[in-house]
Protein backbone atom coordinates (compact mmCIF):
# COMPACT_ATOMS: atom_id res chain seq x y z
CA MET A 1 67.53 127.00 -41.68
CA ASP A 2 66.14 129.11 -39.47
CA LEU A 3 63.75 126.75 -37.09
CA SER A 4 62.76 129.47 -34.73
CA ASN A 5 60.11 131.68 -36.70
CA ARG A 6 59.01 129.15 -39.74
CA THR A 7 55.57 128.33 -40.61
CA VAL A 8 55.41 124.46 -40.98
CA PHE A 9 52.50 121.75 -42.81
CA ILE A 10 53.82 118.28 -41.81
CA VAL A 11 51.84 115.84 -43.98
CA GLY A 12 51.97 112.22 -42.77
CA GLY A 13 53.21 113.64 -39.41
CA THR A 14 50.14 111.68 -37.32
CA SER A 15 52.92 109.53 -35.95
CA GLY A 16 56.76 108.02 -35.83
CA ILE A 17 59.29 110.17 -37.12
CA GLY A 18 56.86 113.04 -38.51
CA ARG A 19 55.09 113.55 -34.95
CA GLU A 20 58.42 113.57 -33.05
CA LEU A 21 59.82 116.08 -36.01
CA ALA A 22 56.42 118.26 -35.47
CA ARG A 23 57.33 118.53 -31.12
CA ARG A 24 60.64 119.67 -32.32
CA PHE A 25 59.62 122.07 -34.69
CA ALA A 26 57.56 123.49 -32.50
CA ALA A 27 59.82 123.34 -29.57
CA ALA A 28 62.63 125.77 -31.30
CA GLY A 29 60.09 128.10 -31.77
CA SER A 30 58.25 127.52 -35.02
CA THR A 31 54.17 126.88 -35.84
CA VAL A 32 53.63 123.73 -36.75
CA ALA A 33 50.36 122.34 -38.68
CA VAL A 34 49.76 118.15 -38.95
CA GLY A 35 47.93 116.32 -41.67
CA GLY A 36 47.03 113.15 -41.81
CA ARG A 37 44.51 110.59 -41.91
CA SER A 38 43.88 109.10 -38.41
CA PRO A 39 40.74 111.35 -36.72
CA GLU A 40 42.38 109.90 -33.31
CA ALA A 41 45.88 110.88 -33.58
CA LEU A 42 44.61 114.61 -35.41
CA SER A 43 42.88 114.61 -31.79
CA GLU A 44 45.74 114.24 -30.22
CA LEU A 45 47.92 116.61 -31.43
CA ALA A 46 45.55 119.35 -31.83
CA ALA A 47 45.17 119.04 -27.94
CA GLU A 48 48.73 119.43 -27.60
CA GLY A 49 48.27 122.87 -29.72
CA PHE A 50 48.83 122.02 -33.87
CA GLY A 51 46.54 123.00 -36.23
CA THR A 52 45.52 120.13 -37.64
CA PHE A 53 44.41 118.98 -41.32
CA ASP A 54 42.45 115.75 -42.55
CA VAL A 55 44.53 114.43 -45.56
CA ASP A 56 44.88 111.79 -47.37
CA VAL A 57 47.73 111.62 -49.93
CA THR A 58 46.01 108.94 -52.57
CA ASP A 59 43.37 110.89 -52.96
CA GLY A 60 43.89 114.20 -55.04
CA ALA A 61 41.09 116.26 -54.27
CA SER A 62 41.99 115.48 -50.77
CA VAL A 63 44.92 116.91 -50.98
CA GLY A 64 43.74 120.29 -52.97
CA PHE A 65 40.88 120.83 -49.69
CA ALA A 66 44.00 120.53 -47.20
CA ARG A 67 46.09 123.05 -49.31
CA ASP A 68 43.25 125.84 -48.98
CA ALA A 69 42.39 124.93 -45.54
CA VAL A 70 45.83 125.23 -44.49
CA LEU A 71 46.66 128.22 -46.61
CA ALA A 72 43.03 129.71 -45.25
CA ARG A 73 44.18 129.38 -41.38
CA TYR A 74 48.46 129.90 -42.11
CA PRO A 75 49.28 132.31 -44.85
CA GLU A 76 52.26 132.56 -43.84
CA LEU A 77 53.37 128.73 -44.66
CA ASP A 78 56.83 128.64 -45.88
CA THR A 79 58.04 125.25 -45.17
CA VAL A 80 56.22 121.49 -46.74
CA VAL A 81 57.32 118.50 -45.25
CA THR A 82 56.00 115.31 -46.74
CA MET A 83 56.17 112.40 -44.72
CA SER A 84 53.09 110.20 -45.49
CA GLY A 85 54.32 106.45 -46.62
CA VAL A 86 53.60 102.99 -46.42
CA MET A 87 56.16 100.11 -46.01
CA LEU A 88 55.11 96.75 -46.27
CA MET A 89 56.95 93.24 -47.82
CA GLU A 90 56.31 91.81 -51.07
CA ASP A 91 56.94 88.40 -51.99
CA LEU A 92 58.01 89.07 -56.14
CA ARG A 93 57.14 85.12 -57.06
CA ASP A 94 53.46 85.65 -56.06
CA SER A 95 51.62 87.70 -58.20
CA ALA A 96 49.44 88.58 -55.55
CA HIS A 97 52.05 91.42 -54.42
CA PHE A 98 50.63 94.02 -57.17
CA PRO A 99 48.26 95.34 -55.23
CA THR A 100 50.95 96.15 -52.36
CA ALA A 101 53.36 97.57 -55.01
CA GLU A 102 50.45 99.91 -56.57
CA ALA A 103 49.42 100.86 -53.04
CA THR A 104 53.20 101.71 -52.22
CA ILE A 105 53.98 103.74 -55.03
CA ASP A 106 50.47 105.69 -54.73
CA THR A 107 51.62 106.69 -51.65
CA ASN A 108 55.54 107.46 -50.93
CA LEU A 109 55.99 108.70 -54.36
CA VAL A 110 52.63 109.78 -56.68
CA GLY A 111 51.69 110.81 -53.09
CA THR A 112 54.84 113.13 -52.70
CA ILE A 113 54.35 114.54 -55.71
CA ARG A 114 50.42 115.72 -55.29
CA VAL A 115 51.29 117.63 -51.95
CA ILE A 116 54.31 119.13 -53.62
CA ASP A 117 52.47 120.18 -56.63
CA ALA A 118 49.59 121.23 -54.66
CA PHE A 119 51.93 123.51 -52.65
CA THR A 120 54.42 124.66 -55.61
CA PRO A 121 52.83 127.88 -56.92
CA HIS A 122 51.61 128.99 -53.09
CA LEU A 123 55.63 128.37 -52.16
CA VAL A 124 57.22 130.14 -55.75
CA GLY A 125 54.59 132.85 -55.47
CA ARG A 126 56.22 134.10 -51.87
CA GLY A 127 59.63 133.86 -53.65
CA ALA A 128 61.25 131.71 -50.43
CA GLY A 129 60.24 128.71 -48.28
CA SER A 130 61.32 124.95 -48.65
CA PHE A 131 60.02 121.68 -49.33
CA ILE A 132 61.40 118.90 -47.35
CA THR A 133 60.94 115.59 -48.78
CA VAL A 134 61.80 112.11 -47.32
CA THR A 135 63.01 109.14 -48.80
CA SER A 136 65.54 106.66 -46.62
CA GLY A 137 68.52 104.79 -46.33
CA ILE A 138 66.77 101.78 -48.58
CA ALA A 139 66.37 103.76 -51.61
CA PHE A 140 70.20 103.44 -51.74
CA LEU A 141 70.71 100.09 -50.36
CA PRO A 142 67.47 98.24 -51.08
CA PHE A 143 65.79 95.91 -48.08
CA PRO A 144 65.07 92.67 -50.58
CA PRO A 145 61.83 91.96 -48.74
CA MET A 146 60.34 95.66 -49.47
CA PRO A 147 61.09 96.27 -53.34
CA SER A 148 58.72 98.30 -53.74
CA TYR A 149 59.31 100.93 -50.64
CA ALA A 150 62.98 100.55 -52.11
CA ALA A 151 61.85 102.08 -55.60
CA SER A 152 59.18 104.31 -54.41
CA LYS A 153 61.86 106.03 -51.96
CA ALA A 154 64.84 105.58 -54.72
CA ALA A 155 62.15 107.57 -57.21
CA VAL A 156 61.36 110.30 -54.06
CA HIS A 157 65.04 110.99 -54.28
CA ALA A 158 65.38 111.30 -58.13
CA TYR A 159 62.16 113.53 -58.15
CA SER A 160 63.80 115.66 -55.09
CA GLU A 161 66.82 116.22 -57.27
CA ALA A 162 64.96 117.52 -60.32
CA LEU A 163 62.58 119.62 -57.93
CA ARG A 164 65.51 121.39 -56.77
CA ALA A 165 67.00 122.14 -59.95
CA GLN A 166 63.66 122.95 -61.63
CA LEU A 167 62.90 125.38 -58.51
CA ASP A 168 66.46 127.35 -58.23
CA GLY A 169 66.27 130.63 -58.28
CA THR A 170 63.12 131.04 -57.05
CA GLY A 171 63.84 131.01 -53.42
CA VAL A 172 62.35 127.92 -52.89
CA ASP A 173 64.73 125.13 -51.17
CA VAL A 174 64.52 121.27 -51.85
CA VAL A 175 65.91 119.21 -48.68
CA GLU A 176 65.44 115.94 -48.52
CA LEU A 177 65.44 113.82 -45.36
CA VAL A 178 66.90 110.41 -45.31
CA PRO A 179 66.44 108.32 -42.34
CA PRO A 180 67.78 105.04 -41.37
CA ALA A 181 66.01 102.45 -39.61
CA VAL A 182 64.18 104.46 -36.52
CA ALA A 183 63.16 102.65 -33.59
CA THR A 184 59.32 103.77 -33.95
CA ALA A 185 55.72 101.90 -35.64
CA GLY A 186 57.70 98.47 -34.72
CA GLN A 187 60.43 98.73 -36.33
CA GLU A 188 62.69 98.29 -32.83
CA LYS A 189 60.98 94.68 -32.86
CA VAL A 190 62.31 94.00 -36.68
CA ASN A 191 65.44 95.72 -36.70
CA PRO A 192 67.00 95.79 -33.08
CA HIS A 193 70.12 98.05 -34.42
CA ALA A 194 67.16 100.84 -34.87
CA LEU A 195 68.45 103.98 -34.24
CA PRO A 196 65.93 105.53 -31.27
CA LEU A 197 63.79 108.11 -32.23
CA ASP A 198 65.10 110.50 -30.12
CA ASP A 199 68.63 110.38 -30.65
CA PHE A 200 67.56 110.44 -34.46
CA ALA A 201 65.33 113.72 -34.11
CA THR A 202 68.01 115.56 -32.14
CA GLU A 203 70.28 114.86 -35.30
CA VAL A 204 68.24 115.70 -37.74
CA MET A 205 66.88 119.41 -36.30
CA GLN A 206 70.65 119.71 -35.61
CA LEU A 207 71.70 119.15 -39.55
CA LEU A 208 68.73 121.01 -40.57
CA SER A 209 69.48 124.29 -38.68
CA ALA A 210 73.05 124.39 -40.20
CA ASN A 211 73.63 127.36 -42.72
CA PRO A 212 73.46 126.62 -45.43
CA THR A 213 71.09 123.97 -44.94
CA PRO A 214 72.31 120.35 -46.64
CA HIS A 215 70.58 119.11 -49.59
CA GLU A 216 70.32 115.98 -47.81
CA ILE A 217 69.81 115.38 -44.24
CA LEU A 218 72.22 112.58 -43.44
CA VAL A 219 72.24 111.42 -39.77
CA LYS A 220 75.34 109.11 -39.10
CA GLY A 221 73.67 106.14 -39.28
CA VAL A 222 72.73 106.56 -42.18
CA LEU A 223 75.62 106.88 -44.32
CA MET A 224 76.60 103.16 -44.73
CA HIS A 225 73.20 103.10 -46.77
CA ARG A 226 73.67 106.43 -48.69
CA TRP A 227 77.50 105.56 -50.05
CA ALA A 228 77.56 101.76 -49.93
CA GLU A 229 78.12 102.10 -54.13
CA ARG A 230 81.35 104.47 -53.72
CA ASP A 231 82.25 102.43 -50.79
CA GLY A 232 82.03 99.36 -52.38
CA THR A 233 80.44 97.66 -49.73
CA TYR A 234 77.26 97.70 -51.93
CA ALA A 235 77.11 94.28 -52.91
CA ASP A 236 78.65 92.72 -50.08
CA LEU A 237 75.25 94.49 -47.81
CA VAL A 238 72.89 93.69 -50.26
CA ALA A 239 73.84 89.79 -49.74
CA GLN A 240 73.76 90.37 -45.94
CA ARG A 241 70.13 91.96 -46.83
CA SER A 242 68.93 89.36 -48.80
CA LYS A 243 68.96 87.00 -45.70
CA ALA A 244 65.66 88.51 -44.45
CA LEU A 245 63.75 86.89 -47.27
CA THR A 246 63.20 84.32 -44.85
CA MET A 247 60.97 86.89 -43.20
CA LEU A 248 58.34 86.68 -46.31
CA PRO A 249 55.66 83.67 -45.53
CA GLY A 250 56.62 80.42 -47.35
CA ARG A 251 59.94 81.47 -47.44
CA GLU A 252 63.23 79.58 -45.39
CA ARG A 253 65.65 80.82 -47.79
């Protein structure tokens, strides 16, 4: 993928990985717009020179309005990155977890589908472009305190595979970015082994710039997760990660 002359819209790019990727795409020479819900973050990004758009991926009308505004300003748009996501803990022994599960799936999975549906006609109509979906190493190796997050990201992986097959021959590529734990938004406090954001972004941009671009962007730090079943380490790793259930309120083991 030539990163030097693209027009990119990063949905959910107001913080963390999305914000860093916006800066990296811009530094490579691309035109970048960012969508999100935080007025403060959007204002900061506008001051950096990014196009900014208010969008809530849990609201179909909001996604539609954002699409129309983005395409009016950037009719040459060729790359859409779906970054929006929530990552919350749930205790499945307590039925009160359900609203968390519902919100997680609505944002991470259904929100991704809303964005893709909104921009598919444009990208297919121009005969070239890319969707970059964002899953997680947890899609392939669950983190038991976050069951709906794992399920939603596994679903986005499957959806990305199906989308790629359905768009074959249209000129529109589907690339799946699979982050491990990255030191952003407090991750470094929860997981001291989280990959530094700068290192992660550098490796991601190197992989994206490959020709051909891989279907899955797998930094070295996520390979353990992605190939755990193949390598026969899955059961042991899930058991090890289950120790983190003590993070749930009222759980000692």
